[in-house]
Each structure stands twice: as structure tokens, then as C-alpha cells.
């Protein structure tokens, strides 16, 4: 069983604008994945990849309303998906 992911494990600046005590890693996973993809460090990426796995990250990133060009290109390349799928 995977160990519980804690918001405190992420870079301190990643969730600077929200009350971290209200974030639940399951209930708010799309927000956490989006924020990590767009503003996170490589260490933050490894945290979500290890906890959620590639398929959940792919599915959630496809539901994000906006991804910047760099994040979009990364997701398309990493998940081997056309840009328009995101």
C-alpha cells in the first residue's frame, strides 16, 4: 500500500495561495496535479507520479481547463498523446 501523500511534502511555494490544511490529496487531486504540472519542481513531480501514477495524472490533466504551452507540450510528449487531447 502506498504511503499517504501530505501537502507538507510539496515545495512550500506550490500552494501559497490556499489554506493547505483544507487540501485533501484525493478530493483535490486535479488541483494538486494541475498546480504541480504548471508550477512544481521535479521533486513535486516525483511526488504526484509516485502517489497517483501515470494514468490518473494523464486523465486529470486532460480535464484541466488551461495548461500553458510548456506544460501542454510536456504532457503531450510524456503521455504520448496529441496536443488537442489536453
PDB file of N, CA and C in Angstrom:
ATOM      1  N   UNK A   1       0.833  -1.192   0.000  1.00  0.00           N
ATOM      2  CA  UNK A   1       0.000   0.000   0.000  1.00  0.00           C
ATOM      3  C   UNK A   1       0.872   1.248   0.000  1.00  0.00           C
ATOM      4  N   UNK A   2       0.487   2.215  -0.831  1.00  0.00           N
ATOM      5  CA  UNK A   2       1.302   3.416  -0.897  1.00  0.00           C
ATOM      6  C   UNK A   2       1.089   4.296   0.324  1.00  0.00           C
ATOM      7  N   UNK A   3       2.153   4.990   0.678  1.00  0.00           N
ATOM      8  CA  UNK A   3       2.104   5.875   1.834  1.00  0.00           C
ATOM      9  C   UNK A   3       1.273   7.109   1.506  1.00  0.00           C
ATOM     10  N   UNK A   4       0.578   7.618   2.484  1.00  0.00           N
ATOM     11  CA  UNK A   4      -0.277   8.796   2.312  1.00  0.00           C
ATOM     12  C   UNK A   4       0.564  10.011   1.918  1.00  0.00           C
ATOM     13  N   UNK A   5       0.136  10.668   0.876  1.00  0.00           N
ATOM     14  CA  UNK A   5       0.783  11.890   0.421  1.00  0.00           C
ATOM     15  C   UNK A   5       0.313  13.034   1.297  1.00  0.00           C
ATOM     16  N   UNK A   6       1.244  13.881   1.715  1.00  0.00           N
ATOM     17  CA  UNK A   6       0.901  15.019   2.552  1.00  0.00           C
ATOM     18  C   UNK A   6       1.251  16.306   1.808  1.00  0.00           C
ATOM     19  N   UNK A   7       0.419  17.299   1.950  1.00  0.00           N
ATOM     20  CA  UNK A   7       0.656  18.587   1.308  1.00  0.00           C
ATOM     21  C   UNK A   7       1.990  19.168   1.759  1.00  0.00           C
ATOM     22  N   UNK A   8       2.387  18.903   2.977  1.00  0.00           N
ATOM     23  CA  UNK A   8       3.655  19.404   3.508  1.00  0.00           C
ATOM     24  C   UNK A   8       4.864  18.830   2.754  1.00  0.00           C
ATOM     25  N   UNK A   9       4.667  17.742   2.014  1.00  0.00           N
ATOM     26  CA  UNK A   9       5.756  17.129   1.265  1.00  0.00           C
ATOM     27  C   UNK A   9       6.140  17.957   0.032  1.00  0.00           C
ATOM     28  N   UNK A  10       5.216  18.796  -0.432  1.00  0.00           N
ATOM     29  CA  UNK A  10       5.453  19.589  -1.639  1.00  0.00           C
ATOM     30  C   UNK A  10       6.275  20.844  -1.329  1.00  0.00           C
ATOM     31  N   UNK A  11       6.786  21.467  -2.377  1.00  0.00           N
ATOM     32  CA  UNK A  11       7.506  22.732  -2.232  1.00  0.00           C
ATOM     33  C   UNK A  11       6.603  23.735  -1.519  1.00  0.00           C
ATOM     34  N   UNK A  12       7.143  24.482  -0.569  1.00  0.00           N
ATOM     35  CA  UNK A  12       6.315  25.421   0.209  1.00  0.00           C
ATOM     36  C   UNK A  12       5.585  26.456  -0.654  1.00  0.00           C
ATOM     37  N   UNK A  13       6.169  26.843  -1.759  1.00  0.00           N
ATOM     38  CA  UNK A  13       5.569  27.885  -2.592  1.00  0.00           C
ATOM     39  C   UNK A  13       4.459  27.363  -3.513  1.00  0.00           C
ATOM     40  N   UNK A  14       4.291  26.067  -3.605  1.00  0.00           N
ATOM     41  CA  UNK A  14       3.357  25.495  -4.571  1.00  0.00           C
ATOM     42  C   UNK A  14       1.900  25.823  -4.254  1.00  0.00           C
ATOM     43  N   UNK A  15       1.557  25.851  -2.993  1.00  0.00           N
ATOM     44  CA  UNK A  15       0.177  26.130  -2.591  1.00  0.00           C
ATOM     45  C   UNK A  15       0.127  27.372  -1.704  1.00  0.00           C
ATOM     46  N   UNK A  16       0.853  28.382  -2.099  1.00  0.00           N
ATOM     47  CA  UNK A  16       0.981  29.605  -1.311  1.00  0.00           C
ATOM     48  C   UNK A  16      -0.346  30.350  -1.157  1.00  0.00           C
ATOM     49  N   UNK A  17      -1.244  30.177  -2.099  1.00  0.00           N
ATOM     50  CA  UNK A  17      -2.461  30.987  -2.138  1.00  0.00           C
ATOM     51  C   UNK A  17      -3.695  30.289  -1.578  1.00  0.00           C
ATOM     52  N   UNK A  18      -3.524  29.107  -1.020  1.00  0.00           N
ATOM     53  CA  UNK A  18      -4.661  28.371  -0.454  1.00  0.00           C
ATOM     54  C   UNK A  18      -4.334  27.928   0.967  1.00  0.00           C
ATOM     55  N   UNK A  19      -5.368  27.642   1.720  1.00  0.00           N
ATOM     56  CA  UNK A  19      -5.186  27.105   3.066  1.00  0.00           C
ATOM     57  C   UNK A  19      -4.824  25.627   2.927  1.00  0.00           C
ATOM     58  N   UNK A  20      -3.577  25.320   3.160  1.00  0.00           N
ATOM     59  CA  UNK A  20      -3.085  23.952   2.967  1.00  0.00           C
ATOM     60  C   UNK A  20      -3.796  22.940   3.855  1.00  0.00           C
ATOM     61  N   UNK A  21      -4.313  23.380   4.967  1.00  0.00           N
ATOM     62  CA  UNK A  21      -4.989  22.451   5.882  1.00  0.00           C
ATOM     63  C   UNK A  21      -6.315  21.962   5.309  1.00  0.00           C
ATOM     64  N   UNK A  22      -6.841  22.646   4.294  1.00  0.00           N
ATOM     65  CA  UNK A  22      -8.118  22.234   3.708  1.00  0.00           C
ATOM     66  C   UNK A  22      -7.937  21.343   2.482  1.00  0.00           C
ATOM     67  N   UNK A  23      -6.702  21.187   2.024  1.00  0.00           N
ATOM     68  CA  UNK A  23      -6.458  20.359   0.832  1.00  0.00           C
ATOM     69  C   UNK A  23      -6.427  18.884   1.194  1.00  0.00           C
ATOM     70  N   UNK A  24      -7.200  18.117   0.485  1.00  0.00           N
ATOM     71  CA  UNK A  24      -7.219  16.672   0.634  1.00  0.00           C
ATOM     72  C   UNK A  24      -6.648  16.082  -0.655  1.00  0.00           C
ATOM     73  N   UNK A  25      -5.665  15.193  -0.548  1.00  0.00           N
ATOM     74  CA  UNK A  25      -4.973  14.694  -1.737  1.00  0.00           C
ATOM     75  C   UNK A  25      -5.855  13.874  -2.660  1.00  0.00           C
ATOM     76  N   UNK A  26      -6.943  13.337  -2.167  1.00  0.00           N
ATOM     77  CA  UNK A  26      -7.876  12.610  -3.039  1.00  0.00           C
ATOM     78  C   UNK A  26      -8.964  13.533  -3.569  1.00  0.00           C
ATOM     79  N   UNK A  27      -9.582  14.268  -2.688  1.00  0.00           N
ATOM     80  CA  UNK A  27     -10.679  15.141  -3.087  1.00  0.00           C
ATOM     81  C   UNK A  27     -10.220  16.264  -4.021  1.00  0.00           C
ATOM     82  N   UNK A  28      -9.013  16.755  -3.851  1.00  0.00           N
ATOM     83  CA  UNK A  28      -8.497  17.885  -4.632  1.00  0.00           C
ATOM     84  C   UNK A  28      -7.363  17.462  -5.576  1.00  0.00           C
ATOM     85  N   UNK A  29      -7.389  16.227  -6.007  1.00  0.00           N
ATOM     86  CA  UNK A  29      -6.263  15.722  -6.797  1.00  0.00           C
ATOM     87  C   UNK A  29      -6.072  16.462  -8.113  1.00  0.00           C
ATOM     88  N   UNK A  30      -7.139  16.865  -8.786  1.00  0.00           N
ATOM     89  CA  UNK A  30      -6.970  17.596 -10.042  1.00  0.00           C
ATOM     90  C   UNK A  30      -6.252  18.917  -9.797  1.00  0.00           C
ATOM     91  N   UNK A  31      -6.642  19.625  -8.757  1.00  0.00           N
ATOM     92  CA  UNK A  31      -5.982  20.883  -8.415  1.00  0.00           C
ATOM     93  C   UNK A  31      -4.513  20.657  -8.086  1.00  0.00           C
ATOM     94  N   UNK A  32      -4.227  19.632  -7.294  1.00  0.00           N
ATOM     95  CA  UNK A  32      -2.844  19.333  -6.895  1.00  0.00           C
ATOM     96  C   UNK A  32      -2.015  18.946  -8.118  1.00  0.00           C
ATOM     97  N   UNK A  33      -2.570  18.130  -8.990  1.00  0.00           N
ATOM     98  CA  UNK A  33      -1.862  17.721 -10.203  1.00  0.00           C
ATOM     99  C   UNK A  33      -1.634  18.922 -11.108  1.00  0.00           C
ATOM    100  N   UNK A  34      -2.661  19.729 -11.314  1.00  0.00           N
ATOM    101  CA  UNK A  34      -2.518  20.918 -12.165  1.00  0.00           C
ATOM    102  C   UNK A  34      -1.447  21.861 -11.627  1.00  0.00           C
ATOM    103  N   UNK A  35      -1.496  22.146 -10.351  1.00  0.00           N
ATOM    104  CA  UNK A  35      -0.531  23.066  -9.751  1.00  0.00           C
ATOM    105  C   UNK A  35       0.883  22.512  -9.842  1.00  0.00           C
ATOM    106  N   UNK A  36       1.017  21.207  -9.642  1.00  0.00           N
ATOM    107  CA  UNK A  36       2.339  20.583  -9.737  1.00  0.00           C
ATOM    108  C   UNK A  36       2.862  20.634 -11.168  1.00  0.00           C
ATOM    109  N   UNK A  37       2.005  20.335 -12.135  1.00  0.00           N
ATOM    110  CA  UNK A  37       2.434  20.379 -13.534  1.00  0.00           C
ATOM    111  C   UNK A  37       2.831  21.781 -13.968  1.00  0.00           C
ATOM    112  N   UNK A  38       2.087  22.773 -13.538  1.00  0.00           N
ATOM    113  CA  UNK A  38       2.333  24.129 -14.018  1.00  0.00           C
ATOM    114  C   UNK A  38       3.349  24.918 -13.198  1.00  0.00           C
ATOM    115  N   UNK A  39       3.499  24.606 -11.917  1.00  0.00           N
ATOM    116  CA  UNK A  39       4.379  25.402 -11.063  1.00  0.00           C
ATOM    117  C   UNK A  39       5.339  24.593 -10.195  1.00  0.00           C
ATOM    118  N   UNK A  40       5.252  23.278 -10.259  1.00  0.00           N
ATOM    119  CA  UNK A  40       6.044  22.451  -9.362  1.00  0.00           C
ATOM    120  C   UNK A  40       7.472  22.219  -9.811  1.00  0.00           C
ATOM    121  N   UNK A  41       8.237  21.681  -8.896  1.00  0.00           N
ATOM    122  CA  UNK A  41       9.619  21.303  -9.172  1.00  0.00           C
ATOM    123  C   UNK A  41       9.660  19.836  -9.604  1.00  0.00           C
ATOM    124  N   UNK A  42      10.812  19.374  -9.975  1.00  0.00           N
ATOM    125  CA  UNK A  42      10.970  17.968 -10.329  1.00  0.00           C
ATOM    126  C   UNK A  42      10.639  17.076  -9.134  1.00  0.00           C
ATOM    127  N   UNK A  43      11.004  17.503  -7.937  1.00  0.00           N
ATOM    128  CA  UNK A  43      10.667  16.744  -6.725  1.00  0.00           C
ATOM    129  C   UNK A  43       9.158  16.648  -6.537  1.00  0.00           C
ATOM    130  N   UNK A  44       8.447  17.744  -6.823  1.00  0.00           N
ATOM    131  CA  UNK A  44       6.987  17.729  -6.723  1.00  0.00           C
ATOM    132  C   UNK A  44       6.399  16.761  -7.749  1.00  0.00           C
ATOM    133  N   UNK A  45       6.970  16.745  -8.944  1.00  0.00           N
ATOM    134  CA  UNK A  45       6.525  15.829  -9.995  1.00  0.00           C
ATOM    135  C   UNK A  45       6.656  14.378  -9.531  1.00  0.00           C
ATOM    136  N   UNK A  46       7.805  14.054  -8.938  1.00  0.00           N
ATOM    137  CA  UNK A  46       8.016  12.688  -8.457  1.00  0.00           C
ATOM    138  C   UNK A  46       7.007  12.316  -7.366  1.00  0.00           C
ATOM    139  N   UNK A  47       6.612  13.288  -6.554  1.00  0.00           N
ATOM    140  CA  UNK A  47       5.609  13.018  -5.511  1.00  0.00           C
ATOM    141  C   UNK A  47       4.276  12.604  -6.123  1.00  0.00           C
ATOM    142  N   UNK A  48       3.784  13.383  -7.097  1.00  0.00           N
ATOM    143  CA  UNK A  48       2.479  13.029  -7.673  1.00  0.00           C
ATOM    144  C   UNK A  48       2.581  11.773  -8.522  1.00  0.00           C
ATOM    145  N   UNK A  49       3.706  11.610  -9.207  1.00  0.00           N
ATOM    146  CA  UNK A  49       3.873  10.418 -10.034  1.00  0.00           C
ATOM    147  C   UNK A  49       3.896   9.153  -9.176  1.00  0.00           C
ATOM    148  N   UNK A  50       4.563   9.224  -8.054  1.00  0.00           N
ATOM    149  CA  UNK A  50       4.631   8.074  -7.155  1.00  0.00           C
ATOM    150  C   UNK A  50       3.320   7.782  -6.449  1.00  0.00           C
ATOM    151  N   UNK A  51       2.556   8.818  -6.181  1.00  0.00           N
ATOM    152  CA  UNK A  51       1.309   8.631  -5.439  1.00  0.00           C
ATOM    153  C   UNK A  51       0.127   8.321  -6.360  1.00  0.00           C
ATOM    154  N   UNK A  52      -0.092   9.165  -7.366  1.00  0.00           N
ATOM    155  CA  UNK A  52      -1.261   8.990  -8.227  1.00  0.00           C
ATOM    156  C   UNK A  52      -1.017   8.013  -9.376  1.00  0.00           C
ATOM    157  N   UNK A  53       0.202   7.966  -9.877  1.00  0.00           N
ATOM    158  CA  UNK A  53       0.502   7.123 -11.027  1.00  0.00           C
ATOM    159  C   UNK A  53       0.224   7.841 -12.341  1.00  0.00           C
ATOM    160  N   UNK A  54       0.807   7.327 -13.379  1.00  0.00           N
ATOM    161  CA  UNK A  54       0.762   7.951 -14.699  1.00  0.00           C
ATOM    162  C   UNK A  54      -0.656   8.071 -15.257  1.00  0.00           C
ATOM    163  N   UNK A  55      -1.460   7.046 -15.106  1.00  0.00           N
ATOM    164  CA  UNK A  55      -2.801   7.051 -15.705  1.00  0.00           C
ATOM    165  C   UNK A  55      -3.726   8.086 -15.065  1.00  0.00           C
ATOM    166  N   UNK A  56      -3.675   8.217 -13.757  1.00  0.00           N
ATOM    167  CA  UNK A  56      -4.506   9.215 -13.087  1.00  0.00           C
ATOM    168  C   UNK A  56      -4.039  10.615 -13.450  1.00  0.00           C
ATOM    169  N   UNK A  57      -2.739  10.825 -13.478  1.00  0.00           N
ATOM    170  CA  UNK A  57      -2.210  12.146 -13.848  1.00  0.00           C
ATOM    171  C   UNK A  57      -2.638  12.489 -15.272  1.00  0.00           C
ATOM    172  N   UNK A  58      -2.546  11.534 -16.168  1.00  0.00           N
ATOM    173  CA  UNK A  58      -2.962  11.761 -17.558  1.00  0.00           C
ATOM    174  C   UNK A  58      -4.444  12.102 -17.630  1.00  0.00           C
ATOM    175  N   UNK A  59      -5.273  11.331 -16.977  1.00  0.00           N
ATOM    176  CA  UNK A  59      -6.719  11.562 -17.008  1.00  0.00           C
ATOM    177  C   UNK A  59      -7.078  12.921 -16.407  1.00  0.00           C
ATOM    178  N   UNK A  60      -6.482  13.260 -15.295  1.00  0.00           N
ATOM    179  CA  UNK A  60      -6.784  14.536 -14.651  1.00  0.00           C
ATOM    180  C   UNK A  60      -6.250  15.713 -15.461  1.00  0.00           C
ATOM    181  N   UNK A  61      -5.070  15.567 -16.048  1.00  0.00           N
ATOM    182  CA  UNK A  61      -4.511  16.680 -16.827  1.00  0.00           C
ATOM    183  C   UNK A  61      -5.332  16.952 -18.081  1.00  0.00           C
ATOM    184  N   UNK A  62      -6.021  15.940 -18.576  1.00  0.00           N
ATOM    185  CA  UNK A  62      -6.909  16.140 -19.727  1.00  0.00           C
ATOM    186  C   UNK A  62      -8.156  16.926 -19.349  1.00  0.00           C
ATOM    187  N   UNK A  63      -8.477  16.976 -18.063  1.00  0.00           N
ATOM    188  CA  UNK A  63      -9.662  17.693 -17.585  1.00  0.00           C
ATOM    189  C   UNK A  63      -9.370  19.120 -17.123  1.00  0.00           C
ATOM    190  N   UNK A  64      -8.094  19.466 -17.046  1.00  0.00           N
ATOM    191  CA  UNK A  64      -7.716  20.818 -16.616  1.00  0.00           C
ATOM    192  C   UNK A  64      -8.165  21.817 -17.678  1.00  0.00           C
ATOM    193  N   UNK A  65      -8.723  22.910 -17.237  1.00  0.00           N
ATOM    194  CA  UNK A  65      -9.286  23.883 -18.182  1.00  0.00           C
ATOM    195  C   UNK A  65      -8.212  24.593 -18.996  1.00  0.00           C
ATOM    196  N   UNK A  66      -7.046  24.868 -18.406  1.00  0.00           N
ATOM    197  CA  UNK A  66      -5.999  25.583 -19.128  1.00  0.00           C
ATOM    198  C   UNK A  66      -4.638  25.054 -18.710  1.00  0.00           C
ATOM    199  N   UNK A  67      -3.810  24.767 -19.699  1.00  0.00           N
ATOM    200  CA  UNK A  67      -2.406  24.443 -19.468  1.00  0.00           C
ATOM    201  C   UNK A  67      -1.573  25.376 -20.337  1.00  0.00           C
ATOM    202  N   UNK A  68      -0.530  25.948 -19.760  1.00  0.00           N
ATOM    203  CA  UNK A  68       0.336  26.817 -20.551  1.00  0.00           C
ATOM    204  C   UNK A  68       1.054  25.983 -21.611  1.00  0.00           C
ATOM    205  N   UNK A  69       1.651  26.644 -22.587  1.00  0.00           N
ATOM    206  CA  UNK A  69       2.253  25.944 -23.730  1.00  0.00           C
ATOM    207  C   UNK A  69       3.331  24.949 -23.312  1.00  0.00           C
ATOM    208  N   UNK A  70       4.147  25.328 -22.360  1.00  0.00           N
ATOM    209  CA  UNK A  70       5.230  24.448 -21.904  1.00  0.00           C
ATOM    210  C   UNK A  70       4.666  23.195 -21.220  1.00  0.00           C
ATOM    211  N   UNK A  71       3.696  23.373 -20.362  1.00  0.00           N
ATOM    212  CA  UNK A  71       3.083  22.241 -19.667  1.00  0.00           C
ATOM    213  C   UNK A  71       2.332  21.352 -20.653  1.00  0.00           C
ATOM    214  N   UNK A  72       1.651  21.971 -21.583  1.00  0.00           N
ATOM    215  CA  UNK A  72       0.924  21.235 -22.612  1.00  0.00           C
ATOM    216  C   UNK A  72       1.877  20.371 -23.445  1.00  0.00           C
ATOM    217  N   UNK A  73       2.997  20.954 -23.843  1.00  0.00           N
ATOM    218  CA  UNK A  73       3.984  20.204 -24.627  1.00  0.00           C
ATOM    219  C   UNK A  73       4.572  19.049 -23.816  1.00  0.00           C
ATOM    220  N   UNK A  74       4.837  19.296 -22.531  1.00  0.00           N
ATOM    221  CA  UNK A  74       5.362  18.233 -21.672  1.00  0.00           C
ATOM    222  C   UNK A  74       4.364  17.087 -21.570  1.00  0.00           C
ATOM    223  N   UNK A  75       3.103  17.406 -21.286  1.00  0.00           N
ATOM    224  CA  UNK A  75       2.074  16.369 -21.129  1.00  0.00           C
ATOM    225  C   UNK A  75       1.901  15.562 -22.416  1.00  0.00           C
ATOM    226  N   UNK A  76       1.856  16.252 -23.543  1.00  0.00           N
ATOM    227  CA  UNK A  76       1.683  15.560 -24.819  1.00  0.00           C
ATOM    228  C   UNK A  76       2.844  14.606 -25.080  1.00  0.00           C
ATOM    229  N   UNK A  77       4.055  15.056 -24.816  1.00  0.00           N
ATOM    230  CA  UNK A  77       5.233  14.213 -25.047  1.00  0.00           C
ATOM    231  C   UNK A  77       5.308  13.072 -24.035  1.00  0.00           C
ATOM    232  N   UNK A  78       5.100  13.377 -22.768  1.00  0.00           N
ATOM    233  CA  UNK A  78       5.230  12.371 -21.721  1.00  0.00           C
ATOM    234  C   UNK A  78       4.179  11.269 -21.848  1.00  0.00           C
ATOM    235  N   UNK A  79       2.954  11.665 -22.152  1.00  0.00           N
ATOM    236  CA  UNK A  79       1.869  10.699 -22.226  1.00  0.00           C
ATOM    237  C   UNK A  79       1.645  10.163 -23.640  1.00  0.00           C
ATOM    238  N   UNK A  80       2.469  10.605 -24.597  1.00  0.00           N
ATOM    239  CA  UNK A  80       2.362  10.163 -25.995  1.00  0.00           C
ATOM    240  C   UNK A  80       0.950  10.391 -26.532  1.00  0.00           C
ATOM    241  N   UNK A  81       0.474  11.602 -26.328  1.00  0.00           N
ATOM    242  CA  UNK A  81      -0.875  11.999 -26.756  1.00  0.00           C
ATOM    243  C   UNK A  81      -0.770  13.253 -27.619  1.00  0.00           C
ATOM    244  N   UNK A  82      -1.659  13.418 -28.588  1.00  0.00           N
ATOM    245  CA  UNK A  82      -1.680  14.659 -29.370  1.00  0.00           C
ATOM    246  C   UNK A  82      -2.045  15.847 -28.476  1.00  0.00           C
ATOM    247  N   UNK A  83      -1.531  17.014 -28.831  1.00  0.00           N
ATOM    248  CA  UNK A  83      -1.799  18.226 -28.036  1.00  0.00           C
ATOM    249  C   UNK A  83      -3.291  18.463 -27.838  1.00  0.00           C
ATOM    250  N   UNK A  84      -4.079  18.205 -28.874  1.00  0.00           N
ATOM    251  CA  UNK A  84      -5.508  18.521 -28.779  1.00  0.00           C
ATOM    252  C   UNK A  84      -6.268  17.639 -27.773  1.00  0.00           C
ATOM    253  N   UNK A  85      -5.631  16.613 -27.268  1.00  0.00           N
ATOM    254  CA  UNK A  85      -6.281  15.771 -26.246  1.00  0.00           C
ATOM    255  C   UNK A  85      -6.258  16.407 -24.861  1.00  0.00           C
ATOM    256  N   UNK A  86      -5.524  17.518 -24.749  1.00  0.00           N
ATOM    257  CA  UNK A  86      -5.408  18.170 -23.432  1.00  0.00           C
ATOM    258  C   UNK A  86      -6.148  19.466 -23.387  1.00  0.00           C
TER     259      UNK A  86
END
